[in-house]
């Protein structure tokens, strides 16, 4: 009998399949992809370096809608002229690592590179640490041909109790200082826009003044509101575009030419 108990104990201790980690366990193993944004930014900058016209997809708020996200990927993969995809955040509902991994498993099937911002839901339960392990820095930027610079920001101030500088003006200042003569146009992307209850609206006007210092600010993109809207939030000619959540089975398709830009609401 003693040998039977010893054998049972050995099986329990050595069988990995019997170990179930806490749902908020944030450990990312070597088996999972890391630095996803940096890897895909390198691809974007390489393939788009010599293009004077850029075409990209903007989507967001894919949490819970796994089937719709899968259909979205299949639909985008049928397009020939798209260079990359920007995900505006809220990959997850509860910031759980499993949610992150399921979303990336689907989005990694895209034929083109994608980058993802952090959303307010992605921060819950230390989900921001999982995001950093998988995707990298919460604030990042990249350049394409045509002198276009995309600057992606974490604007989810409420999730940090305003104890962390969000938006990060130091990052924005460094990006402005890093501007060179080839940077002729700028697009800002964030999860929540100024005016949202998640945004630090004490600095909303200062935020807008600062981003307008960048060369030819074309427009701003955000997610979070789950409905398409195009608004001139500060009555200064800068339009903030919000995409539907993916559950509504639409996404935005942007084309930036040397002289202008246009967008379409694509249904799938």
Protein backbone atom coordinates (compact mmCIF):
# COMPACT_ATOMS: atom_id res chain seq x y z
CA UNK A 1 0.00 0.00 0.00
CA UNK A 2 2.85 2.37 0.88
CA UNK A 3 4.34 1.88 -2.59
CA UNK A 4 1.01 2.74 -4.19
CA UNK A 5 0.84 6.05 -2.29
CA UNK A 6 4.43 6.81 -3.24
CA UNK A 7 3.67 6.14 -6.90
CA UNK A 8 0.56 8.35 -6.78
CA UNK A 9 2.54 11.17 -5.15
CA UNK A 10 5.27 10.85 -7.79
CA UNK A 11 2.70 11.14 -10.60
CA UNK A 12 1.10 14.22 -9.02
CA UNK A 13 4.42 15.98 -8.58
CA UNK A 14 5.82 15.21 -12.01
CA UNK A 15 2.77 15.64 -14.24
CA UNK A 16 2.76 19.20 -15.59
CA UNK A 17 -0.70 18.70 -17.00
CA UNK A 18 -2.10 18.49 -13.49
CA UNK A 19 -0.74 21.91 -12.47
CA UNK A 20 -3.21 24.73 -13.06
CA UNK A 21 -1.78 28.19 -12.58
CA UNK A 22 -3.81 31.08 -11.16
CA UNK A 23 -5.70 32.89 -13.95
CA UNK A 24 -3.74 36.07 -13.21
CA UNK A 25 -0.42 34.30 -13.45
CA UNK A 26 1.56 36.57 -15.74
CA UNK A 27 4.59 34.45 -16.46
CA UNK A 28 5.37 34.33 -20.17
CA UNK A 29 7.43 31.29 -21.09
CA UNK A 30 10.11 31.04 -23.73
CA UNK A 31 7.58 29.18 -25.89
CA UNK A 32 5.54 32.36 -26.41
CA UNK A 33 6.39 35.22 -28.73
CA UNK A 34 7.92 38.28 -27.10
CA UNK A 35 8.62 41.82 -28.31
CA UNK A 36 5.86 41.39 -30.87
CA UNK A 37 5.61 45.10 -31.63
CA UNK A 38 9.36 45.59 -32.10
CA UNK A 39 9.57 42.56 -34.38
CA UNK A 40 6.66 43.71 -36.52
CA UNK A 41 7.77 47.34 -36.57
CA UNK A 42 11.05 46.20 -38.10
CA UNK A 43 9.05 44.44 -40.81
CA UNK A 44 6.82 47.48 -41.39
CA UNK A 45 9.70 49.93 -41.64
CA UNK A 46 11.59 47.66 -44.02
CA UNK A 47 8.72 46.98 -46.42
CA UNK A 48 7.30 50.52 -46.33
CA UNK A 49 10.54 52.50 -46.42
CA UNK A 50 10.33 53.35 -50.12
CA UNK A 51 6.56 53.73 -50.44
CA UNK A 52 5.03 57.15 -50.90
CA UNK A 53 1.49 55.79 -50.38
CA UNK A 54 0.68 53.83 -47.22
CA UNK A 55 -2.41 51.69 -46.67
CA UNK A 56 -3.21 50.30 -43.22
CA UNK A 57 -6.07 48.81 -41.21
CA UNK A 58 -7.19 50.12 -37.83
CA UNK A 59 -9.24 48.03 -35.42
CA UNK A 60 -9.64 47.58 -31.68
CA UNK A 61 -11.62 46.18 -28.78
CA UNK A 62 -11.42 42.55 -29.85
CA UNK A 63 -11.83 41.21 -26.31
CA UNK A 64 -14.33 38.34 -26.09
CA UNK A 65 -14.98 38.36 -29.86
CA UNK A 66 -12.61 35.59 -30.88
CA UNK A 67 -14.69 34.27 -33.77
CA UNK A 68 -15.16 37.78 -35.18
CA UNK A 69 -11.45 38.46 -34.82
CA UNK A 70 -10.70 35.28 -36.72
CA UNK A 71 -13.09 36.37 -39.50
CA UNK A 72 -11.44 39.80 -39.49
CA UNK A 73 -8.03 38.21 -40.07
CA UNK A 74 -9.37 36.11 -42.94
CA UNK A 75 -10.97 39.19 -44.52
CA UNK A 76 -7.84 41.35 -44.26
CA UNK A 77 -5.75 38.52 -45.71
CA UNK A 78 -7.78 38.79 -48.91
CA UNK A 79 -6.65 42.39 -49.45
CA UNK A 80 -3.64 42.98 -51.67
CA UNK A 81 -2.67 46.57 -50.98
CA UNK A 82 -2.61 46.76 -47.17
CA UNK A 83 0.78 47.26 -45.53
CA UNK A 84 0.03 46.62 -41.85
CA UNK A 85 -2.61 46.52 -39.10
CA UNK A 86 -2.83 48.71 -35.99
CA UNK A 87 -4.81 47.33 -33.06
CA UNK A 88 -6.04 50.15 -30.82
CA UNK A 89 -6.07 48.16 -27.59
CA UNK A 90 -8.34 46.06 -25.38
CA UNK A 91 -7.07 42.78 -26.67
CA UNK A 92 -8.36 41.29 -23.43
CA UNK A 93 -11.30 41.68 -21.09
CA UNK A 94 -9.55 40.98 -17.79
CA UNK A 95 -5.85 41.37 -18.60
CA UNK A 96 -5.34 37.62 -18.32
CA UNK A 97 -2.35 36.03 -20.04
CA UNK A 98 -4.51 33.34 -21.64
CA UNK A 99 -6.63 36.06 -23.28
CA UNK A 100 -3.51 37.75 -24.62
CA UNK A 101 -2.20 34.49 -26.04
CA UNK A 102 -5.51 33.56 -27.66
CA UNK A 103 -5.72 36.97 -29.34
CA UNK A 104 -2.14 36.84 -30.58
CA UNK A 105 -2.65 33.30 -31.86
CA UNK A 106 -5.42 34.66 -34.09
CA UNK A 107 -3.79 37.96 -35.07
CA UNK A 108 -0.47 36.29 -35.88
CA UNK A 109 -2.25 34.59 -38.80
CA UNK A 110 -2.37 37.92 -40.60
CA UNK A 111 -0.31 37.92 -43.78
CA UNK A 112 0.96 41.38 -42.84
CA UNK A 113 2.54 42.64 -39.60
CA UNK A 114 0.44 44.08 -36.83
CA UNK A 115 1.15 46.21 -33.77
CA UNK A 116 -1.09 46.51 -30.71
CA UNK A 117 -1.56 49.31 -28.21
CA UNK A 118 -2.50 48.71 -24.59
CA UNK A 119 -6.13 49.30 -23.59
CA UNK A 120 -7.66 49.91 -20.19
CA UNK A 121 -8.93 46.31 -19.96
CA UNK A 122 -5.45 45.05 -20.80
CA UNK A 123 -4.10 46.61 -17.59
CA UNK A 124 -6.50 44.88 -15.17
CA UNK A 125 -4.94 42.48 -12.67
CA UNK A 126 -1.35 43.39 -13.63
CA UNK A 127 -2.16 42.67 -17.25
CA UNK A 128 0.11 45.56 -18.17
CA UNK A 129 3.05 43.40 -17.14
CA UNK A 130 1.90 40.66 -19.49
CA UNK A 131 1.50 43.24 -22.26
CA UNK A 132 5.06 44.47 -21.68
CA UNK A 133 6.40 40.90 -21.83
CA UNK A 134 4.54 40.07 -25.03
CA UNK A 135 4.40 43.38 -26.90
CA UNK A 136 7.03 45.62 -25.32
CA UNK A 137 6.86 49.27 -24.31
CA UNK A 138 3.44 50.82 -23.77
CA UNK A 139 4.50 53.91 -25.76
CA UNK A 140 6.17 53.35 -29.11
CA UNK A 141 6.51 54.78 -32.60
CA UNK A 142 7.55 53.83 -36.11
CA UNK A 143 8.18 55.44 -39.48
CA UNK A 144 7.10 54.57 -42.99
CA UNK A 145 7.85 55.97 -46.41
CA UNK A 146 6.30 59.25 -47.41
CA UNK A 147 7.70 60.89 -44.28
CA UNK A 148 4.90 59.45 -42.12
CA UNK A 149 5.45 58.87 -38.44
CA UNK A 150 3.04 56.84 -36.31
CA UNK A 151 3.18 57.57 -32.57
CA UNK A 152 1.31 55.15 -30.30
CA UNK A 153 0.52 56.12 -26.71
CA UNK A 154 -0.80 54.61 -23.51
CA UNK A 155 -3.57 57.03 -22.46
CA UNK A 156 -5.33 54.85 -19.85
CA UNK A 157 -4.66 57.16 -16.89
CA UNK A 158 -7.54 56.02 -14.68
CA UNK A 159 -6.21 52.47 -14.46
CA UNK A 160 -3.11 53.86 -12.72
CA UNK A 161 -5.04 56.07 -10.27
CA UNK A 162 -3.22 58.97 -11.91
CA UNK A 163 -0.13 57.91 -9.96
CA UNK A 164 1.80 57.20 -13.17
CA UNK A 165 2.34 59.94 -15.79
CA UNK A 166 -0.19 58.89 -18.44
CA UNK A 167 0.03 60.15 -21.12
CA UNK A 168 3.80 60.14 -20.83
CA UNK A 169 4.85 63.67 -21.75
CA UNK A 170 8.52 62.76 -21.38
CA UNK A 171 8.09 60.18 -24.14
CA UNK A 172 6.19 62.67 -26.30
CA UNK A 173 8.93 65.27 -25.79
CA UNK A 174 11.63 62.75 -26.70
CA UNK A 175 9.71 61.85 -29.85
CA UNK A 176 9.47 65.52 -30.78
CA UNK A 177 13.20 65.98 -30.20
CA UNK A 178 13.84 62.92 -32.37
CA UNK A 179 12.02 64.47 -35.33
CA UNK A 180 14.20 64.84 -38.41
CA UNK A 181 13.89 66.53 -41.79
CA UNK A 182 12.35 63.40 -43.33
CA UNK A 183 9.44 63.42 -40.87
CA UNK A 184 6.84 65.48 -42.70
CA UNK A 185 3.55 64.02 -41.42
CA UNK A 186 2.35 62.53 -38.13
CA UNK A 187 -0.46 60.25 -36.96
CA UNK A 188 -1.18 59.73 -33.25
CA UNK A 189 -2.87 56.56 -32.01
CA UNK A 190 -4.21 55.90 -28.51
CA UNK A 191 -6.79 53.68 -26.83
CA UNK A 192 -8.83 56.34 -25.04
CA UNK A 193 -9.17 59.90 -26.38
CA UNK A 194 -9.17 63.19 -24.48
CA UNK A 195 -12.56 63.69 -22.85
CA UNK A 196 -12.91 60.03 -21.92
CA UNK A 197 -13.31 59.15 -18.25
CA UNK A 198 -10.13 57.07 -18.63
CA UNK A 199 -8.07 60.03 -19.90
CA UNK A 200 -6.33 62.48 -17.56
CA UNK A 201 -8.44 65.43 -18.65
CA UNK A 202 -6.53 67.80 -16.38
CA UNK A 203 -3.88 67.79 -19.11
CA UNK A 204 -6.12 67.33 -22.16
CA UNK A 205 -5.52 70.83 -23.55
CA UNK A 206 -1.78 70.59 -22.91
CA UNK A 207 -1.75 67.19 -24.60
CA UNK A 208 -3.41 68.59 -27.70
CA UNK A 209 -1.05 71.57 -27.83
CA UNK A 210 1.96 69.29 -27.55
CA UNK A 211 0.97 66.81 -30.26
CA UNK A 212 0.18 69.68 -32.61
CA UNK A 213 3.86 70.63 -32.46
CA UNK A 214 4.66 67.58 -34.56
CA UNK A 215 5.07 68.01 -38.32
CA UNK A 216 1.72 68.17 -40.12
CA UNK A 217 -0.46 66.25 -37.68
CA UNK A 218 -2.83 64.46 -40.05
CA UNK A 219 -5.32 62.89 -37.63
CA UNK A 220 -5.64 60.84 -34.44
CA UNK A 221 -7.01 57.33 -33.99
CA UNK A 222 -8.51 55.71 -30.93
CA UNK A 223 -10.65 52.75 -29.86
CA UNK A 224 -12.46 52.24 -26.52
CA UNK A 225 -15.86 53.77 -27.39
CA UNK A 226 -16.92 50.68 -29.42
CA UNK A 227 -18.63 52.84 -32.05
CA UNK A 228 -17.34 54.56 -35.16
CA UNK A 229 -17.15 58.32 -34.78
CA UNK A 230 -15.15 61.14 -36.37
CA UNK A 231 -14.86 64.20 -34.14
CA UNK A 232 -12.95 67.47 -34.08
CA UNK A 233 -12.52 67.30 -30.32
CA UNK A 234 -10.69 70.60 -29.89
CA UNK A 235 -12.20 72.53 -32.79
CA UNK A 236 -8.75 72.89 -34.29
CA UNK A 237 -9.20 70.84 -37.47
CA UNK A 238 -7.61 67.66 -36.05
CA UNK A 239 -10.08 64.79 -36.40
CA UNK A 240 -10.17 61.95 -33.88
CA UNK A 241 -11.45 58.74 -35.49
CA UNK A 242 -12.82 55.88 -33.38
CA UNK A 243 -13.36 52.38 -34.76
CA UNK A 244 -16.22 50.02 -33.94
CA UNK A 245 -15.48 47.11 -31.69
CA UNK A 246 -14.75 44.02 -33.74
CA UNK A 247 -18.06 42.49 -32.65
CA UNK A 248 -19.78 44.86 -35.06
CA UNK A 249 -17.78 43.24 -37.85
CA UNK A 250 -16.24 46.40 -39.29
CA UNK A 251 -12.77 47.94 -39.43
CA UNK A 252 -11.25 51.13 -40.80
CA UNK A 253 -9.04 51.13 -43.87
CA UNK A 254 -6.78 54.18 -44.29
CA UNK A 255 -4.81 55.29 -47.32
CA UNK A 256 -2.26 58.08 -46.97
CA UNK A 257 -0.98 59.50 -50.27
CA UNK A 258 1.64 62.23 -50.75
CA UNK A 259 -1.10 64.87 -50.88
CA UNK A 260 -3.95 63.66 -48.65
CA UNK A 261 -5.55 60.76 -46.81
CA UNK A 262 -8.83 58.87 -47.02
CA UNK A 263 -10.59 56.14 -45.10
CA UNK A 264 -13.29 53.54 -45.57
CA UNK A 265 -15.46 51.61 -43.14
CA UNK A 266 -15.07 48.02 -44.25
CA UNK A 267 -17.73 45.46 -43.33
CA UNK A 268 -16.94 41.76 -43.19
